[in-house]
Amino acid sequence: MIEADGDIVGIEEVQDEKKKIIKSERKERPEVLEAKVYQLNSAFVNYPVFITISYVRENGTLRPFEIFINSKDLSKSAEYTVLSRLISEIFRRSEDPTFIIDELRSIHDPNGGAFKDGRYIASLYGEIADILETFFYEMGLVKTKPKPSQMALFAFAAPNNNNKNQPTENSLLKVCPSCNQRTLKVENGCMTCINPECNYSKCD
């Protein structure tokens, strides 16, 4: 039992009231939505990932409403569905969903990260965060323009499905014993980590 303003209120009543508040904050889906579609060629998966983000106009302001993440790779369909639903719920309930960017970038792939467009990416989720940041900028939710693509340290192209035995740059890298990322390669006959935050070298 909980005492509130001199009255005794049942726990079930409080929980029911919270459910009503949460439900009232959730925005109903319009029948027709505008959307942007982004294609992500990731170093972490074998097929392109298509990210569709819809938005609504509220009082002259654009706001994200839902996201759909899809790919030809059916082995990750459940993961993409869960991610789509969770981010969509944040879009519909949060007044400022931009915090998702930092949360996604903090996730590290257990097999190691990769370099893309001159930057170190910790996981596929970090690449999705980059797309969200671009979208938020286009919607006017963030003021800082995402950095333009720079010359990549490695060109992580999408694997050629016609030759599945052809190794990619990422597959040639080994896991560094110092930072535990897949950033170890041979340079001048020496195993060297190309992670700028590590710089491990077996010859040192």
N, C-alpha and C. Protein backbone atom coordinates (compact mmCIF):
# COMPACT_ATOMS: atom_id res chain seq x y z
N MET A 1 0.84 -1.19 0.00
CA MET A 1 0.00 0.00 0.00
C MET A 1 0.89 1.25 0.00
N ILE A 2 0.42 2.33 -0.66
CA ILE A 2 1.17 3.58 -0.74
C ILE A 2 0.29 4.72 -0.28
N GLU A 3 0.84 5.56 0.60
CA GLU A 3 0.10 6.71 1.10
C GLU A 3 0.39 7.92 0.25
N ALA A 4 -0.62 8.57 -0.27
CA ALA A 4 -0.44 9.76 -1.11
C ALA A 4 -1.48 10.79 -0.74
N ASP A 5 -1.02 11.98 -0.24
CA ASP A 5 -1.91 13.08 0.14
C ASP A 5 -2.94 12.63 1.17
N GLY A 6 -2.49 11.79 2.11
CA GLY A 6 -3.39 11.38 3.18
C GLY A 6 -4.29 10.23 2.81
N ASP A 7 -4.28 9.78 1.56
CA ASP A 7 -5.13 8.68 1.14
C ASP A 7 -4.30 7.42 0.97
N ILE A 8 -4.92 6.28 1.18
CA ILE A 8 -4.26 5.00 0.98
C ILE A 8 -4.60 4.52 -0.42
N VAL A 9 -3.55 4.32 -1.22
CA VAL A 9 -3.75 3.93 -2.61
C VAL A 9 -3.12 2.56 -2.83
N GLY A 10 -3.83 1.66 -3.49
CA GLY A 10 -3.32 0.33 -3.76
C GLY A 10 -2.22 0.37 -4.80
N ILE A 11 -1.27 -0.56 -4.70
CA ILE A 11 -0.16 -0.62 -5.65
C ILE A 11 -0.68 -0.85 -7.06
N GLU A 12 -1.71 -1.70 -7.18
CA GLU A 12 -2.27 -2.00 -8.50
C GLU A 12 -2.86 -0.75 -9.14
N GLU A 13 -3.47 0.11 -8.29
CA GLU A 13 -4.04 1.35 -8.82
C GLU A 13 -2.96 2.27 -9.35
N VAL A 14 -1.82 2.34 -8.62
CA VAL A 14 -0.71 3.18 -9.05
C VAL A 14 -0.14 2.66 -10.37
N GLN A 15 0.02 1.33 -10.49
CA GLN A 15 0.54 0.74 -11.71
C GLN A 15 -0.39 0.99 -12.88
N ASP A 16 -1.71 0.89 -12.63
CA ASP A 16 -2.68 1.15 -13.69
C ASP A 16 -2.60 2.59 -14.15
N GLU A 17 -2.38 3.51 -13.19
CA GLU A 17 -2.30 4.93 -13.52
C GLU A 17 -1.07 5.20 -14.37
N LYS A 18 0.06 4.53 -14.04
CA LYS A 18 1.28 4.70 -14.82
C LYS A 18 1.08 4.21 -16.24
N LYS A 19 0.38 3.09 -16.39
CA LYS A 19 0.12 2.55 -17.72
C LYS A 19 -0.70 3.53 -18.55
N LYS A 20 -1.67 4.19 -17.90
CA LYS A 20 -2.50 5.16 -18.60
C LYS A 20 -1.66 6.34 -19.08
N ILE A 21 -0.71 6.80 -18.22
CA ILE A 21 0.15 7.93 -18.58
C ILE A 21 1.03 7.57 -19.76
N ILE A 22 1.65 6.37 -19.71
CA ILE A 22 2.52 5.93 -20.80
C ILE A 22 1.73 5.81 -22.09
N LYS A 23 0.55 5.24 -22.00
CA LYS A 23 -0.26 5.04 -23.19
C LYS A 23 -0.68 6.37 -23.80
N SER A 24 -0.96 7.36 -22.95
CA SER A 24 -1.40 8.65 -23.46
C SER A 24 -0.27 9.40 -24.14
N GLU A 25 0.99 9.09 -23.75
CA GLU A 25 2.14 9.78 -24.35
C GLU A 25 2.52 9.19 -25.69
N ARG A 26 2.08 7.99 -25.99
CA ARG A 26 2.44 7.33 -27.24
C ARG A 26 1.62 7.92 -28.39
N LYS A 27 2.30 8.38 -29.41
CA LYS A 27 1.62 9.02 -30.54
C LYS A 27 1.01 7.98 -31.45
N GLU A 28 -0.21 8.24 -31.88
CA GLU A 28 -0.89 7.33 -32.79
C GLU A 28 -0.31 7.46 -34.19
N ARG A 29 -0.31 6.35 -34.92
CA ARG A 29 0.29 6.34 -36.25
C ARG A 29 -0.67 6.90 -37.29
N PRO A 30 -0.23 7.91 -38.05
CA PRO A 30 -1.05 8.42 -39.16
C PRO A 30 -1.16 7.36 -40.26
N GLU A 31 -2.18 7.50 -41.10
CA GLU A 31 -2.36 6.53 -42.18
C GLU A 31 -1.26 6.66 -43.24
N VAL A 32 -0.79 7.88 -43.49
CA VAL A 32 0.23 8.12 -44.50
C VAL A 32 1.39 8.87 -43.86
N LEU A 33 2.62 8.40 -44.14
CA LEU A 33 3.81 9.02 -43.58
C LEU A 33 4.84 9.29 -44.67
N GLU A 34 5.56 10.40 -44.52
CA GLU A 34 6.71 10.66 -45.38
C GLU A 34 7.90 9.91 -44.81
N ALA A 35 8.84 9.53 -45.67
CA ALA A 35 9.97 8.74 -45.18
C ALA A 35 11.21 8.96 -46.04
N LYS A 36 12.35 8.64 -45.45
CA LYS A 36 13.63 8.65 -46.15
C LYS A 36 14.21 7.24 -46.08
N VAL A 37 14.82 6.80 -47.17
CA VAL A 37 15.41 5.47 -47.23
C VAL A 37 16.92 5.59 -47.43
N TYR A 38 17.68 4.90 -46.58
CA TYR A 38 19.13 4.93 -46.65
C TYR A 38 19.65 3.51 -46.90
N GLN A 39 20.67 3.39 -47.72
CA GLN A 39 21.31 2.10 -47.96
C GLN A 39 22.65 2.08 -47.24
N LEU A 40 22.83 1.08 -46.39
CA LEU A 40 24.06 0.94 -45.62
C LEU A 40 24.85 -0.28 -46.12
N ASN A 41 26.03 -0.02 -46.67
CA ASN A 41 26.94 -1.10 -47.05
C ASN A 41 27.94 -1.27 -45.92
N SER A 42 27.66 -2.23 -45.07
CA SER A 42 28.40 -2.38 -43.83
C SER A 42 29.56 -3.36 -43.95
N ALA A 43 30.59 -3.12 -43.14
CA ALA A 43 31.73 -4.03 -43.07
C ALA A 43 31.42 -5.22 -42.17
N PHE A 44 30.29 -5.19 -41.47
CA PHE A 44 29.98 -6.21 -40.48
C PHE A 44 29.00 -7.27 -40.97
N VAL A 45 28.34 -7.03 -42.10
CA VAL A 45 27.37 -7.99 -42.63
C VAL A 45 27.63 -8.20 -44.12
N ASN A 46 27.08 -9.27 -44.66
CA ASN A 46 27.37 -9.66 -46.04
C ASN A 46 26.50 -8.99 -47.09
N TYR A 47 25.38 -8.41 -46.67
CA TYR A 47 24.46 -7.82 -47.64
C TYR A 47 24.13 -6.37 -47.23
N PRO A 48 23.77 -5.53 -48.19
CA PRO A 48 23.37 -4.15 -47.86
C PRO A 48 22.18 -4.14 -46.90
N VAL A 49 22.17 -3.16 -46.02
CA VAL A 49 21.08 -2.97 -45.07
C VAL A 49 20.31 -1.72 -45.48
N PHE A 50 18.99 -1.85 -45.61
CA PHE A 50 18.16 -0.72 -46.00
C PHE A 50 17.42 -0.20 -44.77
N ILE A 51 17.59 1.09 -44.51
CA ILE A 51 17.01 1.72 -43.32
C ILE A 51 16.01 2.78 -43.76
N THR A 52 14.75 2.55 -43.43
CA THR A 52 13.68 3.47 -43.77
C THR A 52 13.21 4.19 -42.51
N ILE A 53 13.28 5.51 -42.51
CA ILE A 53 12.87 6.31 -41.34
C ILE A 53 11.74 7.23 -41.76
N SER A 54 10.59 7.06 -41.14
CA SER A 54 9.45 7.92 -41.45
C SER A 54 9.37 9.06 -40.45
N TYR A 55 8.66 10.11 -40.83
CA TYR A 55 8.57 11.28 -39.95
C TYR A 55 7.22 11.96 -40.12
N VAL A 56 6.88 12.78 -39.13
CA VAL A 56 5.62 13.52 -39.13
C VAL A 56 5.93 15.01 -38.97
N ARG A 57 4.98 15.83 -39.33
CA ARG A 57 5.11 17.27 -39.17
C ARG A 57 4.20 17.72 -38.03
N GLU A 58 4.80 18.30 -37.00
CA GLU A 58 4.05 18.78 -35.83
C GLU A 58 4.35 20.25 -35.60
N ASN A 59 3.35 21.07 -35.80
CA ASN A 59 3.50 22.53 -35.58
C ASN A 59 4.70 23.09 -36.37
N GLY A 60 4.84 22.64 -37.61
CA GLY A 60 5.91 23.13 -38.45
C GLY A 60 7.26 22.49 -38.22
N THR A 61 7.31 21.51 -37.32
CA THR A 61 8.56 20.83 -36.99
C THR A 61 8.49 19.39 -37.46
N LEU A 62 9.60 18.90 -38.00
CA LEU A 62 9.67 17.51 -38.44
C LEU A 62 10.15 16.65 -37.28
N ARG A 63 9.48 15.51 -37.07
CA ARG A 63 9.85 14.60 -36.00
C ARG A 63 9.87 13.17 -36.52
N PRO A 64 10.89 12.37 -36.13
CA PRO A 64 10.92 10.96 -36.55
C PRO A 64 9.78 10.21 -35.89
N PHE A 65 9.25 9.23 -36.60
CA PHE A 65 8.11 8.48 -36.06
C PHE A 65 8.39 6.99 -35.95
N GLU A 66 8.98 6.40 -36.97
CA GLU A 66 9.29 4.98 -36.90
C GLU A 66 10.43 4.64 -37.85
N ILE A 67 11.02 3.48 -37.63
CA ILE A 67 12.15 3.04 -38.44
C ILE A 67 11.97 1.58 -38.82
N PHE A 68 12.39 1.24 -40.03
CA PHE A 68 12.38 -0.15 -40.48
C PHE A 68 13.77 -0.49 -40.98
N ILE A 69 14.35 -1.56 -40.45
CA ILE A 69 15.67 -2.01 -40.85
C ILE A 69 15.51 -3.37 -41.51
N ASN A 70 15.91 -3.47 -42.77
CA ASN A 70 15.72 -4.70 -43.53
C ASN A 70 16.98 -5.05 -44.31
N SER A 71 17.10 -6.33 -44.60
CA SER A 71 18.23 -6.81 -45.39
C SER A 71 17.88 -8.15 -46.03
N LYS A 72 18.62 -8.51 -47.05
CA LYS A 72 18.46 -9.80 -47.70
C LYS A 72 18.92 -10.93 -46.79
N ASP A 73 19.76 -10.60 -45.81
CA ASP A 73 20.30 -11.58 -44.88
C ASP A 73 19.24 -11.95 -43.85
N LEU A 74 18.57 -13.08 -44.04
CA LEU A 74 17.49 -13.49 -43.15
C LEU A 74 17.99 -13.96 -41.79
N SER A 75 19.28 -14.25 -41.67
CA SER A 75 19.81 -14.72 -40.39
C SER A 75 19.77 -13.63 -39.34
N LYS A 76 19.66 -12.37 -39.75
CA LYS A 76 19.61 -11.26 -38.81
C LYS A 76 18.24 -10.58 -38.78
N SER A 77 17.24 -11.20 -39.39
CA SER A 77 15.92 -10.56 -39.48
C SER A 77 15.31 -10.31 -38.10
N ALA A 78 15.48 -11.26 -37.17
CA ALA A 78 14.93 -11.08 -35.82
C ALA A 78 15.61 -9.91 -35.11
N GLU A 79 16.93 -9.81 -35.27
CA GLU A 79 17.69 -8.72 -34.65
C GLU A 79 17.26 -7.37 -35.22
N TYR A 80 17.08 -7.31 -36.54
CA TYR A 80 16.65 -6.06 -37.17
C TYR A 80 15.23 -5.68 -36.74
N THR A 81 14.37 -6.68 -36.58
CA THR A 81 12.98 -6.41 -36.15
C THR A 81 12.94 -5.84 -34.74
N VAL A 82 13.69 -6.46 -33.83
CA VAL A 82 13.73 -5.97 -32.45
C VAL A 82 14.26 -4.54 -32.41
N LEU A 83 15.35 -4.29 -33.13
CA LEU A 83 15.94 -2.95 -33.15
C LEU A 83 14.96 -1.93 -33.73
N SER A 84 14.27 -2.31 -34.79
CA SER A 84 13.30 -1.41 -35.42
C SER A 84 12.18 -1.04 -34.45
N ARG A 85 11.67 -2.02 -33.75
CA ARG A 85 10.55 -1.78 -32.84
C ARG A 85 10.96 -0.92 -31.64
N LEU A 86 12.14 -1.21 -31.09
CA LEU A 86 12.59 -0.44 -29.93
C LEU A 86 12.85 1.02 -30.29
N ILE A 87 13.55 1.26 -31.40
CA ILE A 87 13.84 2.64 -31.81
C ILE A 87 12.55 3.36 -32.19
N SER A 88 11.61 2.66 -32.83
CA SER A 88 10.33 3.28 -33.20
C SER A 88 9.57 3.74 -31.96
N GLU A 89 9.60 2.92 -30.90
CA GLU A 89 8.91 3.30 -29.67
C GLU A 89 9.56 4.53 -29.04
N ILE A 90 10.89 4.62 -29.13
CA ILE A 90 11.59 5.80 -28.61
C ILE A 90 11.20 7.03 -29.42
N PHE A 91 11.12 6.89 -30.74
CA PHE A 91 10.71 7.99 -31.60
C PHE A 91 9.34 8.53 -31.17
N ARG A 92 8.42 7.63 -30.87
CA ARG A 92 7.04 8.02 -30.60
C ARG A 92 6.84 8.58 -29.20
N ARG A 93 7.74 8.24 -28.27
CA ARG A 93 7.53 8.66 -26.89
C ARG A 93 8.47 9.76 -26.43
N SER A 94 9.67 9.80 -26.97
CA SER A 94 10.68 10.73 -26.47
C SER A 94 10.59 12.08 -27.17
N GLU A 95 10.75 13.14 -26.39
CA GLU A 95 10.79 14.48 -26.96
C GLU A 95 12.13 14.75 -27.64
N ASP A 96 13.18 14.07 -27.20
CA ASP A 96 14.51 14.24 -27.80
C ASP A 96 15.15 12.86 -27.98
N PRO A 97 14.93 12.22 -29.14
CA PRO A 97 15.45 10.87 -29.35
C PRO A 97 16.92 10.83 -29.78
N THR A 98 17.60 11.98 -29.82
CA THR A 98 18.97 12.01 -30.34
C THR A 98 19.96 11.26 -29.45
N PHE A 99 19.56 10.94 -28.22
CA PHE A 99 20.46 10.20 -27.33
C PHE A 99 20.75 8.80 -27.87
N ILE A 100 19.91 8.32 -28.79
CA ILE A 100 20.11 6.99 -29.37
C ILE A 100 21.48 6.90 -30.05
N ILE A 101 21.95 7.99 -30.61
CA ILE A 101 23.22 7.99 -31.34
C ILE A 101 24.36 7.50 -30.45
N ASP A 102 24.51 8.10 -29.28
CA ASP A 102 25.60 7.71 -28.38
C ASP A 102 25.42 6.30 -27.85
N GLU A 103 24.16 5.91 -27.61
CA GLU A 103 23.91 4.56 -27.09
C GLU A 103 24.33 3.50 -28.11
N LEU A 104 23.99 3.70 -29.37
CA LEU A 104 24.34 2.73 -30.41
C LEU A 104 25.84 2.69 -30.65
N ARG A 105 26.49 3.85 -30.61
CA ARG A 105 27.93 3.89 -30.84
C ARG A 105 28.73 3.26 -29.72
N SER A 106 28.14 3.10 -28.57
CA SER A 106 28.85 2.51 -27.43
C SER A 106 28.83 0.98 -27.47
N ILE A 107 28.12 0.40 -28.43
CA ILE A 107 28.05 -1.06 -28.55
C ILE A 107 29.23 -1.55 -29.40
N HIS A 108 29.95 -2.55 -28.89
CA HIS A 108 31.13 -3.08 -29.58
C HIS A 108 30.86 -4.48 -30.09
N ASP A 109 31.26 -4.73 -31.32
CA ASP A 109 31.14 -6.06 -31.91
C ASP A 109 32.15 -6.99 -31.24
N PRO A 110 31.75 -8.18 -30.79
CA PRO A 110 32.69 -9.08 -30.12
C PRO A 110 33.81 -9.56 -31.02
N ASN A 111 33.63 -9.49 -32.34
CA ASN A 111 34.67 -9.91 -33.28
C ASN A 111 35.60 -8.77 -33.67
N GLY A 112 35.40 -7.60 -33.10
CA GLY A 112 36.26 -6.47 -33.41
C GLY A 112 35.58 -5.47 -34.32
N GLY A 113 36.12 -4.26 -34.34
CA GLY A 113 35.56 -3.19 -35.15
C GLY A 113 36.19 -3.12 -36.52
N ALA A 114 35.96 -1.99 -37.21
CA ALA A 114 36.48 -1.80 -38.56
C ALA A 114 36.66 -0.32 -38.81
N PHE A 115 37.51 0.02 -39.79
CA PHE A 115 37.69 1.40 -40.19
C PHE A 115 36.82 1.66 -41.42
N LYS A 116 36.14 2.79 -41.41
CA LYS A 116 35.28 3.16 -42.52
C LYS A 116 35.25 4.68 -42.63
N ASP A 117 35.48 5.18 -43.84
CA ASP A 117 35.49 6.62 -44.09
C ASP A 117 36.45 7.34 -43.15
N GLY A 118 37.60 6.71 -42.87
CA GLY A 118 38.61 7.34 -42.05
C GLY A 118 38.33 7.31 -40.56
N ARG A 119 37.29 6.60 -40.15
CA ARG A 119 36.94 6.54 -38.72
C ARG A 119 36.84 5.09 -38.27
N TYR A 120 37.07 4.88 -36.98
CA TYR A 120 36.94 3.55 -36.40
C TYR A 120 35.49 3.34 -35.99
N ILE A 121 34.87 2.27 -36.50
CA ILE A 121 33.49 1.93 -36.17
C ILE A 121 33.50 0.69 -35.30
N ALA A 122 32.85 0.75 -34.14
CA ALA A 122 32.91 -0.36 -33.19
C ALA A 122 31.98 -1.51 -33.55
N SER A 123 30.90 -1.23 -34.30
CA SER A 123 29.94 -2.28 -34.63
C SER A 123 28.97 -1.80 -35.69
N LEU A 124 28.12 -2.71 -36.15
CA LEU A 124 27.07 -2.36 -37.09
C LEU A 124 26.16 -1.27 -36.51
N TYR A 125 25.97 -1.33 -35.19
CA TYR A 125 25.11 -0.34 -34.53
C TYR A 125 25.69 1.06 -34.64
N GLY A 126 27.01 1.16 -34.65
CA GLY A 126 27.65 2.46 -34.84
C GLY A 126 27.37 3.02 -36.22
N GLU A 127 27.32 2.14 -37.22
CA GLU A 127 26.99 2.58 -38.58
C GLU A 127 25.55 3.03 -38.68
N ILE A 128 24.66 2.33 -37.98
CA ILE A 128 23.25 2.75 -37.93
C ILE A 128 23.14 4.10 -37.24
N ALA A 129 23.96 4.32 -36.21
CA ALA A 129 23.97 5.61 -35.51
C ALA A 129 24.37 6.74 -36.45
N ASP A 130 25.33 6.47 -37.36
CA ASP A 130 25.74 7.49 -38.33
C ASP A 130 24.57 7.89 -39.23
N ILE A 131 23.78 6.91 -39.65
CA ILE A 131 22.62 7.20 -40.49
C ILE A 131 21.58 7.98 -39.71
N LEU A 132 21.37 7.61 -38.46
CA LEU A 132 20.42 8.36 -37.62
C LEU A 132 20.88 9.80 -37.43
N GLU A 133 22.19 9.99 -37.24
CA GLU A 133 22.72 11.34 -37.07
C GLU A 133 22.48 12.18 -38.32
N THR A 134 22.70 11.58 -39.50
CA THR A 134 22.43 12.27 -40.76
C THR A 134 20.96 12.63 -40.87
N PHE A 135 20.10 11.68 -40.53
CA PHE A 135 18.65 11.92 -40.58
C PHE A 135 18.24 13.03 -39.61
N PHE A 136 18.75 12.98 -38.38
CA PHE A 136 18.41 14.01 -37.38
C PHE A 136 18.85 15.39 -37.85
N TYR A 137 20.01 15.45 -38.52
CA TYR A 137 20.49 16.73 -39.03
C TYR A 137 19.54 17.25 -40.12
N GLU A 138 19.12 16.37 -41.00
CA GLU A 138 18.20 16.76 -42.08
C GLU A 138 16.84 17.19 -41.54
N MET A 139 16.46 16.63 -40.39
CA MET A 139 15.20 17.00 -39.75
C MET A 139 15.33 18.26 -38.91
N GLY A 140 16.57 18.70 -38.66
CA GLY A 140 16.78 19.89 -37.84
C GLY A 140 16.84 19.60 -36.36
N LEU A 141 16.99 18.31 -35.98
CA LEU A 141 17.03 17.95 -34.57
C LEU A 141 18.42 18.11 -33.97
N VAL A 142 19.46 18.07 -34.81
CA VAL A 142 20.82 18.34 -34.37
C VAL A 142 21.38 19.45 -35.24
N LYS A 143 22.17 20.31 -34.64
CA LYS A 143 22.67 21.48 -35.36
C LYS A 143 24.00 21.23 -36.06
N THR A 144 24.78 20.30 -35.52
CA THR A 144 26.10 20.04 -36.08
C THR A 144 26.00 19.10 -37.28
N LYS A 145 26.51 19.53 -38.40
CA LYS A 145 26.46 18.71 -39.60
C LYS A 145 27.42 17.53 -39.46
N PRO A 146 26.96 16.31 -39.76
CA PRO A 146 27.86 15.15 -39.70
C PRO A 146 29.07 15.36 -40.58
N LYS A 147 30.23 14.86 -40.13
CA LYS A 147 31.46 15.05 -40.87
C LYS A 147 31.38 14.36 -42.24
N PRO A 148 31.84 15.02 -43.29
CA PRO A 148 31.83 14.39 -44.61
C PRO A 148 32.80 13.22 -44.65
N SER A 149 32.56 12.30 -45.56
CA SER A 149 33.41 11.13 -45.69
C SER A 149 34.83 11.55 -46.05
N GLN A 150 35.80 10.99 -45.35
CA GLN A 150 37.20 11.27 -45.64
C GLN A 150 37.79 10.05 -46.35
N MET A 151 39.02 10.16 -46.76
CA MET A 151 39.67 9.02 -47.40
C MET A 151 39.79 7.88 -46.39
N ALA A 152 39.23 6.75 -46.71
CA ALA A 152 39.22 5.63 -45.79
C ALA A 152 40.61 5.02 -45.65
N LEU A 153 40.94 4.61 -44.43
CA LEU A 153 42.19 3.90 -44.23
C LEU A 153 42.13 2.54 -44.92
N PHE A 154 40.93 1.96 -44.93
CA PHE A 154 40.68 0.73 -45.66
C PHE A 154 39.35 0.87 -46.37
N ALA A 155 39.26 0.37 -47.58
CA ALA A 155 38.00 0.43 -48.33
C ALA A 155 37.24 -0.85 -48.07
N PHE A 156 36.28 -0.78 -47.15
CA PHE A 156 35.48 -1.95 -46.81
C PHE A 156 34.28 -2.02 -47.75
N ALA A 157 34.47 -2.58 -48.91
CA ALA A 157 33.40 -2.71 -49.88
C ALA A 157 32.52 -3.88 -49.50
N ALA A 158 31.25 -3.84 -49.96
CA ALA A 158 30.35 -4.95 -49.72
C ALA A 158 30.90 -6.18 -50.44
N PRO A 159 30.85 -7.35 -49.80
CA PRO A 159 31.39 -8.55 -50.42
C PRO A 159 30.69 -8.86 -51.74
N ASN A 160 31.45 -9.41 -52.67
CA ASN A 160 30.91 -9.80 -53.97
C ASN A 160 30.22 -11.15 -53.81
N ASN A 161 28.89 -11.15 -53.92
CA ASN A 161 28.13 -12.38 -53.70
C ASN A 161 28.40 -13.42 -54.78
N ASN A 162 28.97 -12.99 -55.92
CA ASN A 162 29.27 -13.95 -56.99
C ASN A 162 30.56 -14.71 -56.73
N ASN A 163 31.33 -14.23 -55.75
CA ASN A 163 32.58 -14.90 -55.39
C ASN A 163 32.73 -14.87 -53.88
N LYS A 164 32.03 -15.76 -53.21
CA LYS A 164 31.98 -15.75 -51.75
C LYS A 164 33.31 -16.13 -51.12
N ASN A 165 34.21 -16.73 -51.91
CA ASN A 165 35.51 -17.13 -51.36
C ASN A 165 36.53 -16.00 -51.39
N GLN A 166 36.16 -14.89 -52.04
CA GLN A 166 37.09 -13.75 -52.12
C GLN A 166 37.12 -13.04 -50.78
N PRO A 167 38.29 -12.91 -50.14
CA PRO A 167 38.37 -12.28 -48.83
C PRO A 167 38.17 -10.78 -48.91
N THR A 168 37.56 -10.21 -47.88
CA THR A 168 37.42 -8.76 -47.77
C THR A 168 38.56 -8.23 -46.91
N GLU A 169 38.72 -6.89 -46.90
CA GLU A 169 39.78 -6.29 -46.08
C GLU A 169 39.58 -6.64 -44.61
N ASN A 170 38.32 -6.64 -44.17
CA ASN A 170 38.04 -6.89 -42.77
C ASN A 170 38.41 -8.31 -42.37
N SER A 171 38.21 -9.27 -43.32
CA SER A 171 38.52 -10.66 -43.00
C SER A 171 40.01 -10.89 -42.91
N LEU A 172 40.84 -10.00 -43.50
CA LEU A 172 42.28 -10.16 -43.46
C LEU A 172 42.87 -9.62 -42.17
N LEU A 173 42.12 -8.84 -41.42
CA LEU A 173 42.60 -8.29 -40.16
C LEU A 173 42.47 -9.33 -39.06
N LYS A 174 43.36 -9.26 -38.08
CA LYS A 174 43.32 -10.17 -36.94
C LYS A 174 43.00 -9.39 -35.68
N VAL A 175 42.59 -10.12 -34.64
CA VAL A 175 42.23 -9.48 -33.37
C VAL A 175 43.49 -9.07 -32.64
N CYS A 176 43.55 -7.81 -32.24
CA CYS A 176 44.71 -7.27 -31.54
C CYS A 176 44.72 -7.78 -30.09
N PRO A 177 45.86 -8.27 -29.58
CA PRO A 177 45.92 -8.76 -28.20
C PRO A 177 45.87 -7.64 -27.17
N SER A 178 46.04 -6.40 -27.61
CA SER A 178 46.03 -5.28 -26.67
C SER A 178 44.65 -4.66 -26.50
N CYS A 179 43.98 -4.33 -27.63
CA CYS A 179 42.67 -3.67 -27.55
C CYS A 179 41.51 -4.61 -27.86
N ASN A 180 41.82 -5.86 -28.25
CA ASN A 180 40.81 -6.88 -28.55
C ASN A 180 39.89 -6.50 -29.70
N GLN A 181 40.38 -5.67 -30.62
CA GLN A 181 39.61 -5.31 -31.80
C GLN A 181 40.25 -5.96 -33.03
N ARG A 182 39.43 -6.18 -34.07
CA ARG A 182 39.96 -6.77 -35.29
C ARG A 182 40.65 -5.68 -36.11
N THR A 183 41.80 -5.25 -35.64
CA THR A 183 42.53 -4.13 -36.26
C THR A 183 44.01 -4.42 -36.40
N LEU A 184 44.40 -5.70 -36.40
CA LEU A 184 45.80 -6.08 -36.47
C LEU A 184 46.15 -6.53 -37.88
N LYS A 185 47.19 -5.92 -38.47
CA LYS A 185 47.61 -6.30 -39.81
C LYS A 185 49.13 -6.25 -39.90
N VAL A 186 49.65 -6.78 -40.99
CA VAL A 186 51.09 -6.82 -41.20
C VAL A 186 51.54 -5.54 -41.89
N GLU A 187 52.47 -4.81 -41.27
CA GLU A 187 53.05 -3.61 -41.86
C GLU A 187 54.57 -3.73 -41.76
N ASN A 188 55.23 -3.71 -42.92
CA ASN A 188 56.69 -3.82 -42.97
C ASN A 188 57.18 -5.08 -42.25
N GLY A 189 56.42 -6.17 -42.42
CA GLY A 189 56.81 -7.44 -41.83
C GLY A 189 56.54 -7.56 -40.36
N CYS A 190 55.77 -6.60 -39.80
CA CYS A 190 55.50 -6.62 -38.36
C CYS A 190 53.99 -6.51 -38.12
N MET A 191 53.48 -7.30 -37.17
CA MET A 191 52.06 -7.22 -36.82
C MET A 191 51.82 -5.92 -36.05
N THR A 192 50.98 -5.05 -36.63
CA THR A 192 50.75 -3.72 -36.06
C THR A 192 49.26 -3.45 -35.97
N CYS A 193 48.82 -2.85 -34.86
CA CYS A 193 47.42 -2.48 -34.68
C CYS A 193 47.18 -1.12 -35.30
N ILE A 194 46.14 -1.01 -36.15
CA ILE A 194 45.83 0.25 -36.82
C ILE A 194 44.76 1.04 -36.09
N ASN A 195 44.36 0.57 -34.91
CA ASN A 195 43.44 1.33 -34.08
C ASN A 195 44.22 2.51 -33.49
N PRO A 196 43.85 3.77 -33.82
CA PRO A 196 44.63 4.92 -33.34
C PRO A 196 44.63 5.05 -31.82
N GLU A 197 43.68 4.40 -31.15
CA GLU A 197 43.63 4.47 -29.70
C GLU A 197 44.51 3.39 -29.04
N CYS A 198 45.10 2.54 -29.87
CA CYS A 198 45.91 1.44 -29.33
C CYS A 198 47.36 1.52 -29.80
N ASN A 199 47.58 1.43 -31.15
CA ASN A 199 48.91 1.49 -31.75
C ASN A 199 49.84 0.38 -31.25
N TYR A 200 49.29 -0.78 -30.96
CA TYR A 200 50.11 -1.93 -30.55
C TYR A 200 50.98 -2.40 -31.70
N SER A 201 52.20 -2.81 -31.41
CA SER A 201 53.10 -3.38 -32.41
C SER A 201 53.88 -4.52 -31.77
N LYS A 202 53.91 -5.67 -32.45
CA LYS A 202 54.60 -6.84 -31.91
C LYS A 202 56.10 -6.64 -31.94
N CYS A 203 56.57 -5.72 -32.78
CA CYS A 203 58.02 -5.50 -32.92
C CYS A 203 58.57 -4.53 -31.88
N ASP A 204 57.70 -3.83 -31.18
CA ASP A 204 58.17 -2.85 -30.20
C ASP A 204 58.69 -3.56 -28.95
